[in-house]
Amino acid sequence: MSGMGRALIITGLILVVAGIIISLAPRIPWLGRLPGDIYIRKGNFSFSFPLATCLLISALLSFILWLFRR
């Protein structure tokens, strides 16, 4: 299999997994509500920045990609 073909297959698989995660995310109650996530509500304005959730997802993706490179 050529390098370009392998890269396209891996990219496609990553997109499929990302799509599944995005479609299932509303069903995971703690996602975006971890300790360390920033949520500010003042009157009609609300701001949400899921810092801890982003760090957790980044760590998981880094670990998965590390496993693929081994």
PDB file of N, CA and C in Angstrom:
ATOM      1  N   MET A   1       0.860  -1.169   0.000  1.00  0.00           N
ATOM      2  CA  MET A   1       0.000   0.000   0.000  1.00  0.00           C
ATOM      3  C   MET A   1       0.904   1.230   0.000  1.00  0.00           C
ATOM      4  N   SER A   2       0.572   2.186  -0.816  1.00  0.00           N
ATOM      5  CA  SER A   2       1.402   3.385  -0.910  1.00  0.00           C
ATOM      6  C   SER A   2       1.217   4.271   0.316  1.00  0.00           C
ATOM      7  N   GLY A   3       2.172   5.173   0.512  1.00  0.00           N
ATOM      8  CA  GLY A   3       2.121   6.073   1.658  1.00  0.00           C
ATOM      9  C   GLY A   3       0.907   6.981   1.623  1.00  0.00           C
ATOM     10  N   MET A   4       0.571   7.468   0.414  1.00  0.00           N
ATOM     11  CA  MET A   4      -0.582   8.364   0.274  1.00  0.00           C
ATOM     12  C   MET A   4      -1.886   7.616   0.557  1.00  0.00           C
ATOM     13  N   GLY A   5      -2.002   6.388   0.097  1.00  0.00           N
ATOM     14  CA  GLY A   5      -3.200   5.587   0.343  1.00  0.00           C
ATOM     15  C   GLY A   5      -3.392   5.305   1.824  1.00  0.00           C
ATOM     16  N   ARG A   6      -2.301   4.970   2.484  1.00  0.00           N
ATOM     17  CA  ARG A   6      -2.370   4.700   3.923  1.00  0.00           C
ATOM     18  C   ARG A   6      -2.776   5.956   4.689  1.00  0.00           C
ATOM     19  N   ALA A   7      -2.232   7.102   4.302  1.00  0.00           N
ATOM     20  CA  ALA A   7      -2.580   8.360   4.967  1.00  0.00           C
ATOM     21  C   ALA A   7      -4.061   8.689   4.780  1.00  0.00           C
ATOM     22  N   LEU A   8      -4.592   8.445   3.584  1.00  0.00           N
ATOM     23  CA  LEU A   8      -6.015   8.707   3.333  1.00  0.00           C
ATOM     24  C   LEU A   8      -6.910   7.773   4.149  1.00  0.00           C
ATOM     25  N   ILE A   9      -6.520   6.528   4.264  1.00  0.00           N
ATOM     26  CA  ILE A   9      -7.308   5.570   5.049  1.00  0.00           C
ATOM     27  C   ILE A   9      -7.305   5.965   6.518  1.00  0.00           C
ATOM     28  N   ILE A  10      -6.138   6.314   7.044  1.00  0.00           N
ATOM     29  CA  ILE A  10      -6.047   6.703   8.451  1.00  0.00           C
ATOM     30  C   ILE A  10      -6.835   7.980   8.704  1.00  0.00           C
ATOM     31  N   THR A  11      -6.737   8.944   7.782  1.00  0.00           N
ATOM     32  CA  THR A  11      -7.502  10.184   7.923  1.00  0.00           C
ATOM     33  C   THR A  11      -8.996   9.895   7.907  1.00  0.00           C
ATOM     34  N   GLY A  12      -9.439   9.018   7.036  1.00  0.00           N
ATOM     35  CA  GLY A  12     -10.847   8.644   6.979  1.00  0.00           C
ATOM     36  C   GLY A  12     -11.318   7.981   8.258  1.00  0.00           C
ATOM     37  N   LEU A  13     -10.493   7.093   8.811  1.00  0.00           N
ATOM     38  CA  LEU A  13     -10.861   6.434  10.065  1.00  0.00           C
ATOM     39  C   LEU A  13     -10.943   7.431  11.221  1.00  0.00           C
ATOM     40  N   ILE A  14     -10.017   8.373  11.243  1.00  0.00           N
ATOM     41  CA  ILE A  14     -10.051   9.393  12.296  1.00  0.00           C
ATOM     42  C   ILE A  14     -11.315  10.236  12.173  1.00  0.00           C
ATOM     43  N   LEU A  15     -11.703  10.578  10.947  1.00  0.00           N
ATOM     44  CA  LEU A  15     -12.930  11.360  10.747  1.00  0.00           C
ATOM     45  C   LEU A  15     -14.169  10.578  11.157  1.00  0.00           C
ATOM     46  N   VAL A  16     -14.191   9.289  10.874  1.00  0.00           N
ATOM     47  CA  VAL A  16     -15.335   8.459  11.278  1.00  0.00           C
ATOM     48  C   VAL A  16     -15.436   8.390  12.796  1.00  0.00           C
ATOM     49  N   VAL A  17     -14.309   8.171  13.465  1.00  0.00           N
ATOM     50  CA  VAL A  17     -14.307   8.107  14.924  1.00  0.00           C
ATOM     51  C   VAL A  17     -14.723   9.453  15.511  1.00  0.00           C
ATOM     52  N   ALA A  18     -14.222  10.560  14.947  1.00  0.00           N
ATOM     53  CA  ALA A  18     -14.607  11.890  15.426  1.00  0.00           C
ATOM     54  C   ALA A  18     -16.106  12.116  15.247  1.00  0.00           C
ATOM     55  N   GLY A  19     -16.669  11.674  14.136  1.00  0.00           N
ATOM     56  CA  GLY A  19     -18.098  11.804  13.900  1.00  0.00           C
ATOM     57  C   GLY A  19     -18.926  11.018  14.901  1.00  0.00           C
ATOM     58  N   ILE A  20     -18.470   9.818  15.218  1.00  0.00           N
ATOM     59  CA  ILE A  20     -19.173   8.999  16.216  1.00  0.00           C
ATOM     60  C   ILE A  20     -19.114   9.663  17.583  1.00  0.00           C
ATOM     61  N   ILE A  21     -17.944  10.174  17.938  1.00  0.00           N
ATOM     62  CA  ILE A  21     -17.798  10.832  19.242  1.00  0.00           C
ATOM     63  C   ILE A  21     -18.678  12.065  19.322  1.00  0.00           C
ATOM     64  N   ILE A  22     -18.714  12.863  18.258  1.00  0.00           N
ATOM     65  CA  ILE A  22     -19.538  14.074  18.259  1.00  0.00           C
ATOM     66  C   ILE A  22     -21.017  13.725  18.349  1.00  0.00           C
ATOM     67  N   SER A  23     -21.440  12.661  17.683  1.00  0.00           N
ATOM     68  CA  SER A  23     -22.853  12.294  17.733  1.00  0.00           C
ATOM     69  C   SER A  23     -23.240  11.700  19.092  1.00  0.00           C
ATOM     70  N   LEU A  24     -22.287  11.091  19.796  1.00  0.00           N
ATOM     71  CA  LEU A  24     -22.586  10.506  21.104  1.00  0.00           C
ATOM     72  C   LEU A  24     -22.293  11.455  22.260  1.00  0.00           C
ATOM     73  N   ALA A  25     -21.641  12.573  22.009  1.00  0.00           N
ATOM     74  CA  ALA A  25     -21.226  13.491  23.079  1.00  0.00           C
ATOM     75  C   ALA A  25     -22.390  13.985  23.939  1.00  0.00           C
ATOM     76  N   PRO A  26     -23.546  14.334  23.365  1.00  0.00           N
ATOM     77  CA  PRO A  26     -24.637  14.790  24.247  1.00  0.00           C
ATOM     78  C   PRO A  26     -25.117  13.721  25.229  1.00  0.00           C
ATOM     79  N   ARG A  27     -24.845  12.465  24.948  1.00  0.00           N
ATOM     80  CA  ARG A  27     -25.287  11.386  25.836  1.00  0.00           C
ATOM     81  C   ARG A  27     -24.310  11.121  26.969  1.00  0.00           C
ATOM     82  N   ILE A  28     -23.133  11.765  26.937  1.00  0.00           N
ATOM     83  CA  ILE A  28     -22.152  11.605  28.003  1.00  0.00           C
ATOM     84  C   ILE A  28     -22.329  12.781  28.952  1.00  0.00           C
ATOM     85  N   PRO A  29     -22.919  12.555  30.130  1.00  0.00           N
ATOM     86  CA  PRO A  29     -23.317  13.679  30.985  1.00  0.00           C
ATOM     87  C   PRO A  29     -22.154  14.477  31.569  1.00  0.00           C
ATOM     88  N   TRP A  30     -20.990  13.862  31.804  1.00  0.00           N
ATOM     89  CA  TRP A  30     -19.878  14.569  32.434  1.00  0.00           C
ATOM     90  C   TRP A  30     -19.001  15.308  31.438  1.00  0.00           C
ATOM     91  N   LEU A  31     -19.198  15.090  30.145  1.00  0.00           N
ATOM     92  CA  LEU A  31     -18.366  15.736  29.143  1.00  0.00           C
ATOM     93  C   LEU A  31     -18.669  17.227  29.102  1.00  0.00           C
ATOM     94  N   GLY A  32     -17.679  18.053  29.391  1.00  0.00           N
ATOM     95  CA  GLY A  32     -17.860  19.501  29.451  1.00  0.00           C
ATOM     96  C   GLY A  32     -18.236  20.006  30.820  1.00  0.00           C
ATOM     97  N   ARG A  33     -18.336  19.116  31.785  1.00  0.00           N
ATOM     98  CA  ARG A  33     -18.698  19.518  33.153  1.00  0.00           C
ATOM     99  C   ARG A  33     -17.712  18.968  34.175  1.00  0.00           C
ATOM    100  N   LEU A  34     -16.472  18.802  33.762  1.00  0.00           N
ATOM    101  CA  LEU A  34     -15.443  18.308  34.670  1.00  0.00           C
ATOM    102  C   LEU A  34     -14.956  19.431  35.571  1.00  0.00           C
ATOM    103  N   PRO A  35     -14.396  19.079  36.735  1.00  0.00           N
ATOM    104  CA  PRO A  35     -13.766  20.121  37.549  1.00  0.00           C
ATOM    105  C   PRO A  35     -12.615  20.730  36.745  1.00  0.00           C
ATOM    106  N   GLY A  36     -12.575  22.023  36.658  1.00  0.00           N
ATOM    107  CA  GLY A  36     -11.569  22.688  35.845  1.00  0.00           C
ATOM    108  C   GLY A  36     -12.149  23.280  34.579  1.00  0.00           C
ATOM    109  N   ASP A  37     -13.360  22.903  34.211  1.00  0.00           N
ATOM    110  CA  ASP A  37     -14.042  23.514  33.078  1.00  0.00           C
ATOM    111  C   ASP A  37     -14.585  24.868  33.513  1.00  0.00           C
ATOM    112  N   ILE A  38     -14.443  25.846  32.660  1.00  0.00           N
ATOM    113  CA  ILE A  38     -14.842  27.216  32.988  1.00  0.00           C
ATOM    114  C   ILE A  38     -16.228  27.483  32.404  1.00  0.00           C
ATOM    115  N   TYR A  39     -17.144  27.907  33.244  1.00  0.00           N
ATOM    116  CA  TYR A  39     -18.494  28.262  32.809  1.00  0.00           C
ATOM    117  C   TYR A  39     -18.918  29.518  33.543  1.00  0.00           C
ATOM    118  N   ILE A  40     -19.205  30.566  32.798  1.00  0.00           N
ATOM    119  CA  ILE A  40     -19.599  31.852  33.379  1.00  0.00           C
ATOM    120  C   ILE A  40     -20.964  32.236  32.825  1.00  0.00           C
ATOM    121  N   ARG A  41     -21.883  32.585  33.728  1.00  0.00           N
ATOM    122  CA  ARG A  41     -23.214  33.040  33.312  1.00  0.00           C
ATOM    123  C   ARG A  41     -23.520  34.341  34.037  1.00  0.00           C
ATOM    124  N   LYS A  42     -23.786  35.392  33.259  1.00  0.00           N
ATOM    125  CA  LYS A  42     -24.161  36.696  33.816  1.00  0.00           C
ATOM    126  C   LYS A  42     -25.299  37.259  32.985  1.00  0.00           C
ATOM    127  N   GLY A  43     -26.469  37.276  33.549  1.00  0.00           N
ATOM    128  CA  GLY A  43     -27.634  37.805  32.847  1.00  0.00           C
ATOM    129  C   GLY A  43     -27.940  37.005  31.581  1.00  0.00           C
ATOM    130  N   ASN A  44     -27.955  37.684  30.439  1.00  0.00           N
ATOM    131  CA  ASN A  44     -28.236  37.025  29.164  1.00  0.00           C
ATOM    132  C   ASN A  44     -26.987  36.466  28.497  1.00  0.00           C
ATOM    133  N   PHE A  45     -25.838  36.577  29.141  1.00  0.00           N
ATOM    134  CA  PHE A  45     -24.569  36.154  28.560  1.00  0.00           C
ATOM    135  C   PHE A  45     -24.067  34.903  29.265  1.00  0.00           C
ATOM    136  N   SER A  46     -23.624  33.938  28.495  1.00  0.00           N
ATOM    137  CA  SER A  46     -22.979  32.772  29.086  1.00  0.00           C
ATOM    138  C   SER A  46     -21.745  32.423  28.262  1.00  0.00           C
ATOM    139  N   PHE A  47     -20.703  32.005  28.960  1.00  0.00           N
ATOM    140  CA  PHE A  47     -19.438  31.647  28.337  1.00  0.00           C
ATOM    141  C   PHE A  47     -18.995  30.314  28.898  1.00  0.00           C
ATOM    142  N   SER A  48     -18.648  29.398  28.013  1.00  0.00           N
ATOM    143  CA  SER A  48     -18.216  28.082  28.432  1.00  0.00           C
ATOM    144  C   SER A  48     -16.902  27.740  27.751  1.00  0.00           C
ATOM    145  N   PHE A  49     -15.910  27.351  28.527  1.00  0.00           N
ATOM    146  CA  PHE A  49     -14.644  26.876  27.996  1.00  0.00           C
ATOM    147  C   PHE A  49     -14.267  25.608  28.751  1.00  0.00           C
ATOM    148  N   PRO A  50     -14.451  24.444  28.125  1.00  0.00           N
ATOM    149  CA  PRO A  50     -14.193  23.169  28.801  1.00  0.00           C
ATOM    150  C   PRO A  50     -12.699  22.833  28.841  1.00  0.00           C
ATOM    151  N   LEU A  51     -11.944  23.521  29.674  1.00  0.00           N
ATOM    152  CA  LEU A  51     -10.497  23.370  29.744  1.00  0.00           C
ATOM    153  C   LEU A  51     -10.094  21.949  30.138  1.00  0.00           C
ATOM    154  N   ALA A  52     -10.641  21.422  31.204  1.00  0.00           N
ATOM    155  CA  ALA A  52     -10.280  20.082  31.669  1.00  0.00           C
ATOM    156  C   ALA A  52     -10.705  19.019  30.653  1.00  0.00           C
ATOM    157  N   THR A  53     -11.847  19.202  30.029  1.00  0.00           N
ATOM    158  CA  THR A  53     -12.305  18.256  29.014  1.00  0.00           C
ATOM    159  C   THR A  53     -11.364  18.267  27.815  1.00  0.00           C
ATOM    160  N   CYS A  54     -10.920  19.449  27.393  1.00  0.00           N
ATOM    161  CA  CYS A  54      -9.978  19.547  26.269  1.00  0.00           C
ATOM    162  C   CYS A  54      -8.663  18.857  26.606  1.00  0.00           C
ATOM    163  N   LEU A  55      -8.175  19.047  27.829  1.00  0.00           N
ATOM    164  CA  LEU A  55      -6.929  18.397  28.236  1.00  0.00           C
ATOM    165  C   LEU A  55      -7.074  16.876  28.282  1.00  0.00           C
ATOM    166  N   LEU A  56      -8.217  16.397  28.760  1.00  0.00           N
ATOM    167  CA  LEU A  56      -8.461  14.957  28.816  1.00  0.00           C
ATOM    168  C   LEU A  56      -8.522  14.359  27.415  1.00  0.00           C
ATOM    169  N   ILE A  57      -9.241  14.996  26.507  1.00  0.00           N
ATOM    170  CA  ILE A  57      -9.352  14.494  25.132  1.00  0.00           C
ATOM    171  C   ILE A  57      -7.995  14.545  24.449  1.00  0.00           C
ATOM    172  N   SER A  58      -7.230  15.593  24.682  1.00  0.00           N
ATOM    173  CA  SER A  58      -5.902  15.710  24.092  1.00  0.00           C
ATOM    174  C   SER A  58      -4.988  14.596  24.583  1.00  0.00           C
ATOM    175  N   ALA A  59      -5.032  14.306  25.871  1.00  0.00           N
ATOM    176  CA  ALA A  59      -4.206  13.234  26.422  1.00  0.00           C
ATOM    177  C   ALA A  59      -4.600  11.877  25.834  1.00  0.00           C
ATOM    178  N   LEU A  60      -5.906  11.637  25.711  1.00  0.00           N
ATOM    179  CA  LEU A  60      -6.370  10.367  25.132  1.00  0.00           C
ATOM    180  C   LEU A  60      -5.948  10.227  23.668  1.00  0.00           C
ATOM    181  N   LEU A  61      -6.107  11.288  22.894  1.00  0.00           N
ATOM    182  CA  LEU A  61      -5.709  11.233  21.488  1.00  0.00           C
ATOM    183  C   LEU A  61      -4.203  11.079  21.341  1.00  0.00           C
ATOM    184  N   SER A  62      -3.430  11.745  22.182  1.00  0.00           N
ATOM    185  CA  SER A  62      -1.976  11.596  22.144  1.00  0.00           C
ATOM    186  C   SER A  62      -1.572  10.160  22.453  1.00  0.00           C
ATOM    187  N   PHE A  63      -2.224   9.552  23.423  1.00  0.00           N
ATOM    188  CA  PHE A  63      -1.927   8.161  23.770  1.00  0.00           C
ATOM    189  C   PHE A  63      -2.282   7.219  22.633  1.00  0.00           C
ATOM    190  N   ILE A  64      -3.434   7.424  22.024  1.00  0.00           N
ATOM    191  CA  ILE A  64      -3.858   6.568  20.907  1.00  0.00           C
ATOM    192  C   ILE A  64      -2.897   6.704  19.728  1.00  0.00           C
ATOM    193  N   LEU A  65      -2.510   7.930  19.394  1.00  0.00           N
ATOM    194  CA  LEU A  65      -1.569   8.135  18.303  1.00  0.00           C
ATOM    195  C   LEU A  65      -0.193   7.572  18.643  1.00  0.00           C
ATOM    196  N   TRP A  66       0.215   7.633  19.902  1.00  0.00           N
ATOM    197  CA  TRP A  66       1.470   7.038  20.332  1.00  0.00           C
ATOM    198  C   TRP A  66       1.443   5.514  20.131  1.00  0.00           C
ATOM    199  N   LEU A  67       0.292   4.903  20.425  1.00  0.00           N
ATOM    200  CA  LEU A  67       0.153   3.462  20.213  1.00  0.00           C
ATOM    201  C   LEU A  67       0.276   3.105  18.738  1.00  0.00           C
ATOM    202  N   PHE A  68      -0.281   3.925  17.855  1.00  0.00           N
ATOM    203  CA  PHE A  68      -0.202   3.645  16.416  1.00  0.00           C
ATOM    204  C   PHE A  68       1.221   3.787  15.899  1.00  0.00           C
ATOM    205  N   ARG A  69       2.017   4.678  16.477  1.00  0.00           N
ATOM    206  CA  ARG A  69       3.386   4.884  16.012  1.00  0.00           C
ATOM    207  C   ARG A  69       4.340   3.821  16.483  1.00  0.00           C
ATOM    208  N   ARG A  70       3.976   3.081  17.508  1.00  0.00           N
ATOM    209  CA  ARG A  70       4.862   2.019  18.019  1.00  0.00           C
ATOM    210  C   ARG A  70       4.977   0.877  17.070  1.00  0.00           C
TER     211      ARG A  70
END
